[in-house]
Amino acid sequence: MLTDRQKEVLKIIVQEYIDSARPISSKEICDRLKCSSATVRSEMASLEELGLLEKTHTSSGRIPSEAGYRYYVDNLMELKKMSAEDMLKLQIIFKNNQLQLNDCVNESLKLISEMTNYTSMKLGGASHDNTLKEISVVPINNDNLAVIVVTNTGYVEHKNVYIPNVDLDDVKKTVNLINNMIVGTPIDEVASKLEYEIKPIIGNYVEEHEKLYNAFYNVFNNFTSKNVDVMGRGNLLKHKEFSNLEKVSNILEKIDDNEILENVNISESNKDINIFIGKENNIDEDMTVIETNYKTPTEEGKLVVIGPKRMEYDRVVSLLEYIKEQIER
């Protein structure tokens, strides 16, 4: 159990280290708390013994330990009120009637990355409750097509497909076959239905059936799997914790692994906003992952912000809560 003064000392050190990225000296805390340096040094030593602070080799100052960040997040953090400028920028995105929900989410996360210098991600896409309404194809050139998938809720996804040396009439026959047999099928069952109902008979209708089947199967398989949109990848390099290029490369490789992102947490948490600090996540021990789930009648997914443990927790949580509220409104 920490005393009120120890809580104040820890809170100051966490907040100052987040801002400055340098160890915090007792003098800086004395100036804030209006007490003697001996008193502050004693409190800092106690917090270090409790494992909440660490002393670096290059300075007499202290920095928060992983446990210190966790105590701060769970007990001391107060959410930062969003600035009028931040709120206006996000409102412009969500009030733009020209943007679909998926675009609004991506644009808002892109904005978060720009405002915070962290990396943000969206995991997810169309809900499994959606069913296929229709597919259509637009020729781009002789060997490339744009396949457009529309669900019953109005969710639209398109994918460019490379199919060389295939007759356009065969493409149209394949599209008609799929629309006639699979419309109304839940999105997460379409790939399976293609395999078991379309694949055995497509050869009766089109000549290059193997090429066409594989192309459309890949479209639906990618559509129904968890997609990941990453904003601000390069922001990792802006933080001193990630100056090692090999380390950054390893982190980016994990970011590209959907399975790792889906199971980013090692510790259990079921809060609206989940914060996984250091060893609590399976991406990197110098990193914090903050995430929240969202769900609407037509879509569900996960919003994720990653950055150094020295993250503006209060600001990121406020931003994610606001975006989640706008999405689910």
Protein backbone atom coordinates (compact mmCIF):
# COMPACT_ATOMS: atom_id res chain seq x y z
CA MET A 1 0.00 0.00 0.00
CA LEU A 2 1.54 3.28 -1.09
CA THR A 3 1.29 6.47 0.91
CA ASP A 4 -0.27 9.53 -0.73
CA ARG A 5 3.17 11.08 -1.13
CA GLN A 6 4.59 7.95 -2.74
CA LYS A 7 1.68 7.95 -5.17
CA GLU A 8 2.42 11.55 -6.05
CA VAL A 9 6.12 10.84 -6.55
CA LEU A 10 5.38 7.83 -8.79
CA LYS A 11 2.79 9.75 -10.79
CA ILE A 12 5.19 12.64 -11.39
CA ILE A 13 8.01 10.32 -12.48
CA VAL A 14 5.79 8.38 -14.88
CA GLN A 15 4.33 11.52 -16.46
CA GLU A 16 7.65 13.35 -16.69
CA TYR A 17 9.43 10.32 -18.15
CA ILE A 18 6.68 9.90 -20.75
CA ASP A 19 7.20 13.52 -21.79
CA SER A 20 11.00 13.69 -21.66
CA ALA A 21 12.34 10.13 -22.10
CA ARG A 22 15.06 10.87 -19.51
CA PRO A 23 15.49 9.77 -15.89
CA ILE A 24 13.77 12.03 -13.37
CA SER A 25 15.85 13.54 -10.57
CA SER A 26 14.78 14.19 -6.99
CA LYS A 27 15.23 17.94 -7.54
CA GLU A 28 12.51 18.01 -10.21
CA ILE A 29 10.11 16.35 -7.79
CA CYS A 30 11.08 18.66 -4.92
CA ASP A 31 10.14 21.63 -7.05
CA ARG A 32 6.70 20.09 -7.70
CA LEU A 33 5.91 18.83 -4.19
CA LYS A 34 7.58 21.66 -2.23
CA CYS A 35 9.45 19.31 0.08
CA SER A 36 13.07 18.54 0.91
CA SER A 37 15.33 16.56 -1.39
CA ALA A 38 16.06 14.12 1.45
CA THR A 39 12.35 13.32 1.75
CA VAL A 40 11.98 12.78 -1.98
CA ARG A 41 15.09 10.59 -2.20
CA SER A 42 13.72 8.46 0.63
CA GLU A 43 10.38 8.03 -1.16
CA MET A 44 12.12 7.20 -4.44
CA ALA A 45 14.25 4.58 -2.69
CA SER A 46 11.12 3.04 -1.17
CA LEU A 47 9.41 2.91 -4.57
CA GLU A 48 12.52 1.31 -6.03
CA GLU A 49 12.48 -1.36 -3.31
CA LEU A 50 8.84 -2.04 -4.16
CA GLY A 51 9.86 -2.61 -7.78
CA LEU A 52 7.93 0.40 -9.12
CA LEU A 53 10.99 2.46 -10.09
CA GLU A 54 14.33 1.63 -11.68
CA LYS A 55 17.68 3.41 -11.52
CA THR A 56 19.63 3.74 -14.74
CA HIS A 57 23.39 3.28 -14.91
CA THR A 58 23.99 6.65 -16.50
CA SER A 59 22.06 8.89 -14.11
CA SER A 60 21.07 9.22 -10.48
CA GLY A 61 17.49 9.76 -11.62
CA ARG A 62 14.77 7.12 -11.76
CA ILE A 63 12.49 5.77 -14.47
CA PRO A 64 9.26 3.75 -14.09
CA SER A 65 9.55 -0.02 -14.10
CA GLU A 66 6.99 -2.17 -15.90
CA ALA A 67 5.23 -2.65 -12.54
CA GLY A 68 5.37 1.11 -12.05
CA TYR A 69 3.56 1.73 -15.32
CA ARG A 70 0.98 -0.89 -14.39
CA TYR A 71 0.36 0.70 -10.98
CA TYR A 72 0.05 4.11 -12.63
CA VAL A 73 -2.45 2.86 -15.24
CA ASP A 74 -4.56 0.95 -12.70
CA ASN A 75 -4.52 3.43 -9.82
CA LEU A 76 -3.21 6.89 -10.69
CA MET A 77 -4.04 7.69 -14.30
CA GLU A 78 -6.70 10.27 -15.06
CA LEU A 79 -8.00 10.34 -18.62
CA LYS A 80 -6.84 13.37 -20.57
CA LYS A 81 -9.67 15.51 -21.86
CA MET A 82 -9.57 15.62 -25.63
CA SER A 83 -8.57 18.96 -27.08
CA ALA A 84 -11.12 20.82 -29.18
CA GLU A 85 -8.78 20.47 -32.16
CA ASP A 86 -8.48 16.67 -31.83
CA MET A 87 -12.23 16.28 -31.40
CA LEU A 88 -12.99 18.49 -34.41
CA LYS A 89 -10.64 16.52 -36.66
CA LEU A 90 -12.30 13.23 -35.68
CA GLN A 91 -15.82 14.66 -35.98
CA ILE A 92 -15.08 15.80 -39.55
CA ILE A 93 -14.24 12.19 -40.43
CA PHE A 94 -17.30 10.58 -38.84
CA LYS A 95 -19.71 13.23 -40.16
CA ASN A 96 -18.50 12.79 -43.74
CA ASN A 97 -21.45 11.05 -45.41
CA GLN A 98 -19.26 10.17 -48.39
CA LEU A 99 -17.21 7.74 -46.28
CA GLN A 100 -18.28 4.20 -45.44
CA LEU A 101 -17.81 3.04 -41.85
CA ASN A 102 -14.69 1.05 -42.73
CA ASP A 103 -13.13 4.18 -44.27
CA CYS A 104 -14.09 6.28 -41.24
CA VAL A 105 -12.36 3.81 -38.92
CA ASN A 106 -9.21 3.73 -41.04
CA GLU A 107 -9.08 7.51 -41.40
CA SER A 108 -9.56 8.04 -37.66
CA LEU A 109 -6.77 5.59 -36.83
CA LYS A 110 -4.52 7.26 -39.39
CA LEU A 111 -5.23 10.54 -37.61
CA ILE A 112 -4.38 9.00 -34.23
CA SER A 113 -1.03 7.86 -35.61
CA GLU A 114 -0.31 11.36 -36.89
CA MET A 115 -1.32 13.01 -33.60
CA THR A 116 0.54 10.64 -31.27
CA ASN A 117 3.44 9.26 -33.34
CA TYR A 118 2.35 5.73 -32.45
CA THR A 119 1.32 2.87 -34.74
CA SER A 120 -2.39 2.10 -34.96
CA MET A 121 -4.25 -0.85 -36.44
CA LYS A 122 -7.71 -2.08 -37.24
CA LEU A 123 -8.39 -5.81 -37.11
CA GLY A 124 -11.58 -7.15 -38.57
CA GLY A 125 -14.03 -6.37 -41.32
CA ALA A 126 -17.48 -7.45 -42.32
CA SER A 127 -19.49 -9.22 -39.66
CA HIS A 128 -20.20 -12.95 -40.01
CA ASP A 129 -23.90 -12.02 -39.84
CA ASN A 130 -23.57 -10.55 -43.35
CA THR A 131 -24.67 -12.62 -46.32
CA LEU A 132 -23.56 -12.38 -49.93
CA LYS A 133 -25.82 -10.14 -52.02
CA GLU A 134 -23.89 -10.28 -55.27
CA ILE A 135 -20.50 -10.22 -56.92
CA SER A 136 -19.59 -8.35 -60.06
CA VAL A 137 -16.47 -7.97 -62.20
CA VAL A 138 -14.98 -4.94 -63.93
CA PRO A 139 -12.22 -5.60 -66.51
CA ILE A 140 -9.13 -3.44 -65.94
CA ASN A 141 -7.12 -4.75 -68.87
CA ASN A 142 -6.65 -8.07 -70.68
CA ASP A 143 -5.22 -9.89 -67.66
CA ASN A 144 -6.58 -7.98 -64.64
CA LEU A 145 -10.06 -7.75 -63.16
CA ALA A 146 -11.62 -5.91 -60.26
CA VAL A 147 -13.91 -8.26 -58.33
CA ILE A 148 -16.55 -6.42 -56.28
CA VAL A 149 -18.29 -8.20 -53.38
CA VAL A 150 -21.48 -6.73 -51.88
CA THR A 151 -23.24 -8.00 -48.74
CA ASN A 152 -26.89 -7.68 -47.74
CA THR A 153 -26.01 -4.87 -45.31
CA GLY A 154 -24.36 -2.75 -47.99
CA TYR A 155 -20.77 -3.61 -47.07
CA VAL A 156 -18.65 -3.44 -50.24
CA GLU A 157 -15.20 -4.94 -50.75
CA HIS A 158 -13.17 -5.06 -53.95
CA LYS A 159 -10.04 -6.91 -54.93
CA ASN A 160 -7.90 -6.72 -58.05
CA VAL A 161 -7.26 -10.15 -59.54
CA TYR A 162 -4.65 -11.22 -62.07
CA ILE A 163 -5.97 -13.93 -64.44
CA PRO A 164 -3.93 -14.14 -67.67
CA ASN A 165 -5.25 -15.64 -70.89
CA VAL A 166 -8.86 -16.10 -69.80
CA ASP A 167 -11.84 -15.34 -72.02
CA LEU A 168 -14.10 -12.60 -70.63
CA ASP A 169 -17.19 -14.67 -71.48
CA ASP A 170 -15.88 -17.42 -69.18
CA VAL A 171 -15.43 -14.84 -66.43
CA LYS A 172 -19.05 -13.70 -66.86
CA LYS A 173 -20.28 -17.31 -66.79
CA THR A 174 -18.36 -17.91 -63.56
CA VAL A 175 -19.84 -14.78 -61.97
CA ASN A 176 -23.36 -15.83 -63.00
CA LEU A 177 -22.80 -19.32 -61.60
CA ILE A 178 -21.64 -17.94 -58.25
CA ASN A 179 -24.51 -15.42 -58.07
CA ASN A 180 -27.08 -18.09 -58.92
CA MET A 181 -25.83 -20.65 -56.40
CA ILE A 182 -24.27 -18.72 -53.51
CA VAL A 183 -26.22 -15.46 -53.08
CA GLY A 184 -27.73 -15.44 -49.57
CA THR A 185 -24.90 -17.50 -48.09
CA PRO A 186 -23.31 -16.14 -44.87
CA ILE A 187 -20.02 -14.48 -45.77
CA ASP A 188 -17.92 -16.78 -43.60
CA GLU A 189 -19.36 -19.84 -45.41
CA VAL A 190 -18.89 -18.66 -49.01
CA ALA A 191 -15.37 -20.04 -49.50
CA SER A 192 -16.50 -23.44 -48.22
CA LYS A 193 -19.55 -23.43 -50.47
CA LEU A 194 -17.35 -22.56 -53.46
CA GLU A 195 -15.19 -25.58 -52.73
CA TYR A 196 -17.97 -28.10 -52.25
CA GLU A 197 -20.68 -26.84 -54.62
CA ILE A 198 -19.05 -24.74 -57.33
CA LYS A 199 -15.74 -26.54 -57.81
CA PRO A 200 -17.28 -29.92 -58.80
CA ILE A 201 -19.42 -28.41 -61.59
CA ILE A 202 -17.62 -25.30 -62.87
CA GLY A 203 -15.80 -27.39 -65.50
CA ASN A 204 -19.17 -28.03 -67.19
CA TYR A 205 -19.59 -24.32 -67.92
CA VAL A 206 -16.18 -22.73 -68.52
CA GLU A 207 -12.97 -23.81 -70.23
CA GLU A 208 -10.31 -22.30 -67.96
CA HIS A 209 -12.25 -23.43 -64.90
CA GLU A 210 -9.23 -24.11 -62.68
CA LYS A 211 -7.79 -20.60 -63.06
CA LEU A 212 -11.17 -18.97 -62.51
CA TYR A 213 -12.12 -21.12 -59.53
CA ASN A 214 -8.79 -20.44 -57.78
CA ALA A 215 -9.08 -16.70 -58.41
CA PHE A 216 -12.59 -16.37 -56.96
CA TYR A 217 -11.84 -18.74 -54.09
CA ASN A 218 -8.89 -16.54 -53.07
CA VAL A 219 -11.08 -13.44 -53.24
CA PHE A 220 -13.61 -14.86 -50.80
CA ASN A 221 -11.04 -16.54 -48.60
CA ASN A 222 -9.23 -13.21 -48.13
CA PHE A 223 -12.53 -11.38 -47.67
CA THR A 224 -13.71 -13.56 -44.81
CA SER A 225 -10.38 -13.89 -43.01
CA LYS A 226 -9.31 -11.30 -40.45
CA ASN A 227 -7.87 -8.36 -42.32
CA VAL A 228 -5.43 -5.94 -40.73
CA ASP A 229 -4.98 -2.29 -41.66
CA VAL A 230 -1.82 -0.73 -40.20
CA MET A 231 -1.30 3.04 -39.92
CA GLY A 232 1.98 4.73 -39.08
CA ARG A 233 4.38 1.80 -39.30
CA GLY A 234 7.35 4.15 -39.55
CA ASN A 235 6.40 5.90 -36.30
CA LEU A 236 8.20 3.17 -34.35
CA LEU A 237 11.50 4.61 -35.53
CA LYS A 238 10.68 7.96 -33.91
CA HIS A 239 11.08 6.53 -30.41
CA LYS A 240 14.48 5.85 -28.83
CA GLU A 241 13.32 2.45 -27.60
CA PHE A 242 13.12 1.26 -31.20
CA SER A 243 16.33 2.70 -32.68
CA ASN A 244 17.62 -0.82 -33.41
CA LEU A 245 16.56 -1.70 -36.95
CA GLU A 246 16.65 -5.45 -36.28
CA LYS A 247 14.31 -4.95 -33.33
CA VAL A 248 11.92 -2.85 -35.43
CA SER A 249 12.00 -5.44 -38.22
CA ASN A 250 11.03 -8.15 -35.73
CA ILE A 251 8.16 -6.04 -34.39
CA LEU A 252 6.85 -5.28 -37.89
CA GLU A 253 6.97 -8.97 -38.74
CA LYS A 254 4.74 -9.68 -35.74
CA ILE A 255 2.41 -6.84 -36.71
CA ASP A 256 1.92 -8.58 -40.05
CA ASP A 257 1.00 -11.84 -38.31
CA ASN A 258 -2.78 -11.83 -37.82
CA GLU A 259 -2.67 -14.68 -35.31
CA ILE A 260 -0.26 -12.82 -33.04
CA LEU A 261 -2.36 -9.66 -33.21
CA GLU A 262 -5.55 -11.56 -32.46
CA ASN A 263 -3.92 -13.00 -29.33
CA VAL A 264 -1.73 -10.05 -28.39
CA ASN A 265 -2.34 -10.32 -24.67
CA ILE A 266 -0.68 -12.75 -22.33
CA SER A 267 -2.57 -11.54 -19.25
CA GLU A 268 -6.34 -11.90 -19.14
CA SER A 269 -8.44 -8.75 -19.46
CA ASN A 270 -12.02 -8.12 -20.49
CA LYS A 271 -12.34 -4.36 -19.99
CA ASP A 272 -13.69 -1.96 -22.60
CA ILE A 273 -10.14 -0.70 -23.07
CA ASN A 274 -7.35 -3.22 -22.51
CA ILE A 275 -3.77 -2.15 -21.82
CA PHE A 276 -0.94 -4.68 -22.13
CA ILE A 277 2.40 -3.35 -20.91
CA GLY A 278 5.78 -4.88 -21.72
CA LYS A 279 5.83 -8.60 -20.97
CA GLU A 280 2.01 -8.62 -20.79
CA ASN A 281 1.91 -8.57 -24.60
CA ASN A 282 3.55 -11.00 -27.01
CA ILE A 283 4.93 -8.41 -29.44
CA ASP A 284 7.82 -6.80 -27.56
CA GLU A 285 8.71 -6.23 -23.89
CA ASP A 286 9.59 -2.57 -24.56
CA MET A 287 6.16 -1.95 -26.03
CA THR A 288 2.65 -1.22 -24.81
CA VAL A 289 -0.45 -2.38 -26.69
CA ILE A 290 -3.78 -0.64 -26.06
CA GLU A 291 -6.85 -2.16 -27.69
CA THR A 292 -10.63 -2.08 -27.70
CA ASN A 293 -13.32 -4.03 -29.54
CA TYR A 294 -16.17 -2.42 -31.46
CA LYS A 295 -19.39 -3.85 -32.83
CA THR A 296 -22.16 -2.46 -35.01
CA PRO A 297 -25.13 -4.14 -36.72
CA THR A 298 -23.00 -4.55 -39.87
CA GLU A 299 -19.41 -4.79 -38.70
CA GLU A 300 -17.16 -5.78 -35.82
CA GLY A 301 -13.47 -5.51 -35.20
CA LYS A 302 -10.68 -4.36 -32.95
CA LEU A 303 -8.82 -1.04 -32.67
CA VAL A 304 -5.19 -1.25 -31.57
CA VAL A 305 -2.54 1.36 -30.75
CA ILE A 306 1.05 0.28 -30.12
CA GLY A 307 4.01 2.31 -28.95
CA PRO A 308 6.74 2.36 -26.30
CA LYS A 309 5.95 1.62 -22.65
CA ARG A 310 6.62 5.34 -22.30
CA MET A 311 3.26 5.98 -23.94
CA GLU A 312 0.73 8.77 -23.34
CA TYR A 313 -1.72 6.29 -21.81
CA ASP A 314 -4.26 8.91 -20.75
CA ARG A 315 -4.46 10.47 -24.20
CA VAL A 316 -4.57 7.21 -26.17
CA VAL A 317 -7.33 5.75 -24.00
CA SER A 318 -9.42 8.92 -24.41
CA LEU A 319 -8.97 8.85 -28.19
CA LEU A 320 -9.87 5.16 -28.50
CA GLU A 321 -12.94 5.59 -26.29
CA TYR A 322 -14.12 8.48 -28.45
CA ILE A 323 -13.61 6.57 -31.72
CA LYS A 324 -15.35 3.47 -30.32
CA GLU A 325 -18.31 5.66 -29.28
CA GLN A 326 -18.53 7.22 -32.76
CA ILE A 327 -18.37 3.82 -34.49
CA GLU A 328 -21.08 2.27 -32.33
CA ARG A 329 -23.34 5.32 -32.38
